[in-house]
């Protein structure tokens, strides 16, 4: 489950940097929960081609994260805001921190 969440975050942050073809197949596999065979049949490519493309997409997305660190920064900020929310009793602070979390 954790791997799927990580893939979702990476895709949310860097998915637009993939080609349209890569995005379609990646979305089918990760978000559509389709099998390699189903994706291969739908897109007219081999099952091995789908597998290779998914591995390549995972590497591309991971490489962007290793260079830009957007997902890790997002996670750190989100956790700190949640900590602020947990320890404060001031409604104005809680409201502001909730607004920040929604914008993230």
N, C-alpha and C. Protein backbone atom coordinates (compact mmCIF):
# COMPACT_ATOMS: atom_id res chain seq x y z
N UNK A 1 0.82 -1.20 0.00
CA UNK A 1 0.00 0.00 0.00
C UNK A 1 0.86 1.26 0.00
N UNK A 2 1.92 1.25 0.80
CA UNK A 2 2.78 2.41 0.90
C UNK A 2 3.42 2.76 -0.45
N UNK A 3 3.79 1.75 -1.20
CA UNK A 3 4.40 1.97 -2.53
C UNK A 3 3.41 2.67 -3.46
N UNK A 4 2.14 2.29 -3.39
CA UNK A 4 1.12 2.91 -4.23
C UNK A 4 0.94 4.37 -3.87
N UNK A 5 0.97 4.67 -2.58
CA UNK A 5 0.85 6.06 -2.12
C UNK A 5 2.04 6.87 -2.63
N UNK A 6 3.23 6.30 -2.51
CA UNK A 6 4.44 6.99 -2.99
C UNK A 6 4.35 7.24 -4.50
N UNK A 7 3.91 6.24 -5.25
CA UNK A 7 3.77 6.41 -6.70
C UNK A 7 2.75 7.50 -7.01
N UNK A 8 1.68 7.54 -6.24
CA UNK A 8 0.66 8.57 -6.43
C UNK A 8 1.20 9.96 -6.19
N UNK A 9 1.97 10.12 -5.10
CA UNK A 9 2.58 11.42 -4.82
C UNK A 9 3.55 11.83 -5.93
N UNK A 10 4.40 10.90 -6.33
CA UNK A 10 5.37 11.22 -7.40
C UNK A 10 4.64 11.62 -8.67
N UNK A 11 3.58 10.90 -8.99
CA UNK A 11 2.82 11.22 -10.20
C UNK A 11 2.13 12.57 -10.06
N UNK A 12 1.57 12.86 -8.88
CA UNK A 12 0.92 14.15 -8.67
C UNK A 12 1.88 15.31 -8.89
N UNK A 13 3.10 15.16 -8.42
CA UNK A 13 4.07 16.24 -8.53
C UNK A 13 4.76 16.31 -9.89
N UNK A 14 5.06 15.17 -10.49
CA UNK A 14 5.89 15.17 -11.70
C UNK A 14 5.23 14.52 -12.92
N UNK A 15 4.01 14.06 -12.80
CA UNK A 15 3.35 13.34 -13.89
C UNK A 15 3.25 14.13 -15.18
N UNK A 16 3.08 15.43 -15.06
CA UNK A 16 2.96 16.26 -16.27
C UNK A 16 4.25 16.28 -17.09
N UNK A 17 5.34 15.83 -16.50
CA UNK A 17 6.61 15.79 -17.22
C UNK A 17 6.78 14.52 -18.04
N UNK A 18 5.88 13.57 -17.87
CA UNK A 18 5.88 12.36 -18.71
C UNK A 18 5.18 12.67 -20.03
N UNK A 19 5.44 11.83 -21.04
CA UNK A 19 4.74 11.99 -22.30
C UNK A 19 3.29 11.57 -22.12
N UNK A 20 2.43 11.94 -23.04
CA UNK A 20 1.01 11.56 -22.97
C UNK A 20 0.86 10.04 -22.93
N UNK A 21 1.62 9.34 -23.77
CA UNK A 21 1.57 7.87 -23.82
C UNK A 21 1.98 7.28 -22.47
N UNK A 22 3.07 7.79 -21.90
CA UNK A 22 3.52 7.30 -20.60
C UNK A 22 2.47 7.56 -19.52
N UNK A 23 1.88 8.75 -19.55
CA UNK A 23 0.85 9.09 -18.55
C UNK A 23 -0.35 8.15 -18.64
N UNK A 24 -0.80 7.87 -19.86
CA UNK A 24 -1.97 7.01 -20.04
C UNK A 24 -1.72 5.62 -19.46
N UNK A 25 -0.59 5.05 -19.80
CA UNK A 25 -0.28 3.70 -19.34
C UNK A 25 -0.03 3.69 -17.84
N UNK A 26 0.67 4.68 -17.34
CA UNK A 26 0.94 4.76 -15.89
C UNK A 26 -0.36 4.91 -15.11
N UNK A 27 -1.26 5.75 -15.59
CA UNK A 27 -2.55 5.93 -14.93
C UNK A 27 -3.37 4.64 -14.96
N UNK A 28 -3.35 3.95 -16.08
CA UNK A 28 -4.07 2.67 -16.17
C UNK A 28 -3.55 1.68 -15.14
N UNK A 29 -2.25 1.61 -14.98
CA UNK A 29 -1.65 0.64 -14.07
C UNK A 29 -1.81 1.04 -12.61
N UNK A 30 -1.51 2.29 -12.30
CA UNK A 30 -1.48 2.71 -10.90
C UNK A 30 -2.86 3.09 -10.39
N UNK A 31 -3.59 3.89 -11.15
CA UNK A 31 -4.88 4.39 -10.68
C UNK A 31 -6.05 3.54 -11.17
N UNK A 32 -5.90 2.94 -12.35
CA UNK A 32 -6.95 2.09 -12.89
C UNK A 32 -6.85 0.65 -12.44
N UNK A 33 -5.73 0.31 -11.81
CA UNK A 33 -5.49 -1.04 -11.29
C UNK A 33 -5.69 -2.11 -12.37
N UNK A 34 -5.26 -1.78 -13.58
CA UNK A 34 -5.37 -2.74 -14.68
C UNK A 34 -4.13 -3.62 -14.71
N UNK A 35 -4.28 -4.83 -15.20
CA UNK A 35 -3.15 -5.75 -15.32
C UNK A 35 -2.30 -5.35 -16.53
N UNK A 36 -1.08 -5.88 -16.55
CA UNK A 36 -0.20 -5.61 -17.69
C UNK A 36 -0.83 -6.09 -18.99
N UNK A 37 -1.47 -7.24 -18.94
CA UNK A 37 -2.11 -7.79 -20.14
C UNK A 37 -3.25 -6.91 -20.63
N UNK A 38 -4.06 -6.42 -19.70
CA UNK A 38 -5.17 -5.54 -20.08
C UNK A 38 -4.67 -4.25 -20.71
N UNK A 39 -3.63 -3.68 -20.11
CA UNK A 39 -3.06 -2.44 -20.65
C UNK A 39 -2.45 -2.69 -22.02
N UNK A 40 -1.72 -3.80 -22.15
CA UNK A 40 -1.08 -4.14 -23.42
C UNK A 40 -2.13 -4.27 -24.53
N UNK A 41 -3.20 -4.96 -24.23
CA UNK A 41 -4.26 -5.16 -25.22
C UNK A 41 -4.91 -3.83 -25.59
N UNK A 42 -5.18 -3.00 -24.60
CA UNK A 42 -5.84 -1.72 -24.84
C UNK A 42 -4.98 -0.77 -25.68
N UNK A 43 -3.67 -0.81 -25.47
CA UNK A 43 -2.78 0.13 -26.16
C UNK A 43 -2.06 -0.49 -27.35
N UNK A 44 -2.30 -1.75 -27.61
CA UNK A 44 -1.70 -2.39 -28.77
C UNK A 44 -0.20 -2.58 -28.67
N UNK A 45 0.28 -2.85 -27.47
CA UNK A 45 1.70 -3.13 -27.28
C UNK A 45 1.83 -4.43 -26.51
N UNK A 46 3.06 -4.92 -26.37
CA UNK A 46 3.27 -6.19 -25.67
C UNK A 46 3.20 -5.98 -24.16
N UNK A 47 2.96 -7.08 -23.49
CA UNK A 47 2.94 -7.05 -22.02
C UNK A 47 4.30 -6.62 -21.49
N UNK A 48 5.37 -7.11 -22.12
CA UNK A 48 6.73 -6.74 -21.72
C UNK A 48 6.97 -5.25 -21.96
N UNK A 49 6.40 -4.72 -23.05
CA UNK A 49 6.52 -3.29 -23.33
C UNK A 49 5.87 -2.45 -22.24
N UNK A 50 4.72 -2.89 -21.76
CA UNK A 50 4.04 -2.19 -20.67
C UNK A 50 4.89 -2.24 -19.41
N UNK A 51 5.40 -3.42 -19.10
CA UNK A 51 6.24 -3.60 -17.91
C UNK A 51 7.45 -2.67 -17.98
N UNK A 52 8.13 -2.66 -19.11
CA UNK A 52 9.32 -1.81 -19.28
C UNK A 52 8.96 -0.33 -19.15
N UNK A 53 7.84 0.06 -19.75
CA UNK A 53 7.43 1.45 -19.70
C UNK A 53 7.11 1.87 -18.26
N UNK A 54 6.45 1.01 -17.51
CA UNK A 54 6.13 1.33 -16.11
C UNK A 54 7.40 1.47 -15.26
N UNK A 55 8.33 0.58 -15.48
CA UNK A 55 9.62 0.68 -14.75
C UNK A 55 10.35 1.96 -15.13
N UNK A 56 10.33 2.30 -16.41
CA UNK A 56 10.97 3.53 -16.88
C UNK A 56 10.30 4.77 -16.27
N UNK A 57 8.97 4.76 -16.23
CA UNK A 57 8.23 5.88 -15.62
C UNK A 57 8.56 6.01 -14.14
N UNK A 58 8.59 4.89 -13.43
CA UNK A 58 8.95 4.93 -12.01
C UNK A 58 10.33 5.53 -11.82
N UNK A 59 11.26 5.15 -12.67
CA UNK A 59 12.62 5.68 -12.57
C UNK A 59 12.64 7.17 -12.89
N UNK A 60 11.95 7.59 -13.92
CA UNK A 60 11.89 9.01 -14.30
C UNK A 60 11.34 9.83 -13.14
N UNK A 61 10.21 9.38 -12.57
CA UNK A 61 9.58 10.11 -11.48
C UNK A 61 10.49 10.14 -10.25
N UNK A 62 11.13 9.03 -9.94
CA UNK A 62 12.06 8.97 -8.80
C UNK A 62 13.26 9.88 -9.03
N UNK A 63 13.75 9.92 -10.26
CA UNK A 63 14.89 10.80 -10.57
C UNK A 63 14.53 12.27 -10.39
N UNK A 64 13.32 12.66 -10.80
CA UNK A 64 12.88 14.04 -10.57
C UNK A 64 12.85 14.33 -9.07
N UNK A 65 12.33 13.40 -8.29
CA UNK A 65 12.26 13.62 -6.84
C UNK A 65 13.65 13.71 -6.23
N UNK A 66 14.57 12.88 -6.70
CA UNK A 66 15.93 12.92 -6.13
C UNK A 66 16.64 14.24 -6.45
N UNK A 67 16.23 14.91 -7.50
CA UNK A 67 16.82 16.19 -7.86
C UNK A 67 16.08 17.38 -7.26
N UNK A 68 14.75 17.31 -7.21
CA UNK A 68 13.94 18.46 -6.81
C UNK A 68 13.40 18.38 -5.38
N UNK A 69 13.21 17.19 -4.86
CA UNK A 69 12.75 16.96 -3.47
C UNK A 69 11.41 17.61 -3.15
N UNK A 70 10.53 17.74 -4.11
CA UNK A 70 9.24 18.38 -3.87
C UNK A 70 8.34 17.54 -2.97
N UNK A 71 8.32 16.24 -3.18
CA UNK A 71 7.47 15.36 -2.38
C UNK A 71 7.96 15.33 -0.93
N UNK A 72 9.25 15.22 -0.73
CA UNK A 72 9.77 15.17 0.64
C UNK A 72 9.54 16.50 1.35
N UNK A 73 9.70 17.61 0.65
CA UNK A 73 9.42 18.92 1.27
C UNK A 73 7.94 19.04 1.62
N UNK A 74 7.09 18.59 0.71
CA UNK A 74 5.65 18.62 0.96
C UNK A 74 5.31 17.82 2.21
N UNK A 75 5.88 16.63 2.33
CA UNK A 75 5.59 15.76 3.47
C UNK A 75 6.07 16.39 4.78
N UNK A 76 7.24 16.98 4.77
CA UNK A 76 7.78 17.63 5.97
C UNK A 76 6.88 18.79 6.39
N UNK A 77 6.52 19.64 5.44
CA UNK A 77 5.67 20.79 5.75
C UNK A 77 4.32 20.32 6.27
N UNK A 78 3.74 19.33 5.62
CA UNK A 78 2.43 18.82 6.05
C UNK A 78 2.50 18.28 7.47
N UNK A 79 3.54 17.53 7.80
CA UNK A 79 3.69 16.98 9.15
C UNK A 79 3.86 18.08 10.19
N UNK A 80 4.64 19.11 9.87
CA UNK A 80 4.85 20.21 10.82
C UNK A 80 3.55 20.98 11.06
N UNK A 81 2.78 21.19 10.01
CA UNK A 81 1.50 21.89 10.17
C UNK A 81 0.55 21.04 11.02
N UNK A 82 0.54 19.75 10.81
CA UNK A 82 -0.29 18.87 11.63
C UNK A 82 0.14 18.89 13.09
N UNK A 83 1.45 18.99 13.33
CA UNK A 83 1.95 19.10 14.71
C UNK A 83 1.50 20.41 15.35
N UNK A 84 1.57 21.49 14.60
CA UNK A 84 1.10 22.79 15.10
C UNK A 84 -0.37 22.69 15.46
N UNK A 85 -1.14 22.09 14.57
CA UNK A 85 -2.57 21.92 14.79
C UNK A 85 -2.86 21.11 16.05
N UNK A 86 -2.04 20.12 16.32
CA UNK A 86 -2.25 19.24 17.46
C UNK A 86 -1.94 19.92 18.80
N UNK A 87 -0.99 20.82 18.82
CA UNK A 87 -0.57 21.41 20.09
C UNK A 87 -1.21 22.77 20.40
N UNK A 88 -1.84 23.38 19.43
CA UNK A 88 -2.41 24.70 19.68
C UNK A 88 -3.85 24.60 20.15
N UNK A 89 -4.21 25.56 20.94
CA UNK A 89 -5.61 25.66 21.39
C UNK A 89 -6.28 26.89 20.79
N UNK A 90 -5.51 27.69 20.08
CA UNK A 90 -6.06 28.91 19.49
C UNK A 90 -6.76 28.58 18.18
N UNK A 91 -8.02 28.94 18.13
CA UNK A 91 -8.82 28.63 16.94
C UNK A 91 -8.30 29.32 15.68
N UNK A 92 -7.78 30.53 15.82
CA UNK A 92 -7.26 31.26 14.66
C UNK A 92 -6.07 30.52 14.05
N UNK A 93 -5.22 29.98 14.90
CA UNK A 93 -4.04 29.23 14.43
C UNK A 93 -4.49 27.94 13.75
N UNK A 94 -5.44 27.24 14.38
CA UNK A 94 -5.95 26.00 13.78
C UNK A 94 -6.60 26.28 12.43
N UNK A 95 -7.36 27.35 12.34
CA UNK A 95 -8.01 27.70 11.08
C UNK A 95 -6.97 27.98 9.99
N UNK A 96 -5.96 28.76 10.34
CA UNK A 96 -4.91 29.09 9.38
C UNK A 96 -4.13 27.84 8.97
N UNK A 97 -3.80 26.97 9.92
CA UNK A 97 -3.05 25.77 9.56
C UNK A 97 -3.89 24.84 8.70
N UNK A 98 -5.19 24.77 8.95
CA UNK A 98 -6.06 23.95 8.09
C UNK A 98 -6.15 24.52 6.68
N UNK A 99 -6.17 25.83 6.56
CA UNK A 99 -6.17 26.46 5.24
C UNK A 99 -4.88 26.14 4.49
N UNK A 100 -3.77 26.18 5.20
CA UNK A 100 -2.47 25.85 4.57
C UNK A 100 -2.48 24.40 4.10
N UNK A 101 -2.98 23.49 4.94
CA UNK A 101 -3.03 22.06 4.56
C UNK A 101 -3.90 21.87 3.32
N UNK A 102 -5.01 22.57 3.22
CA UNK A 102 -5.87 22.44 2.06
C UNK A 102 -5.18 22.92 0.78
N UNK A 103 -4.36 23.97 0.91
CA UNK A 103 -3.65 24.49 -0.26
C UNK A 103 -2.53 23.58 -0.70
N UNK A 104 -1.97 22.80 0.22
CA UNK A 104 -0.91 21.87 -0.14
C UNK A 104 -1.50 20.78 -0.99
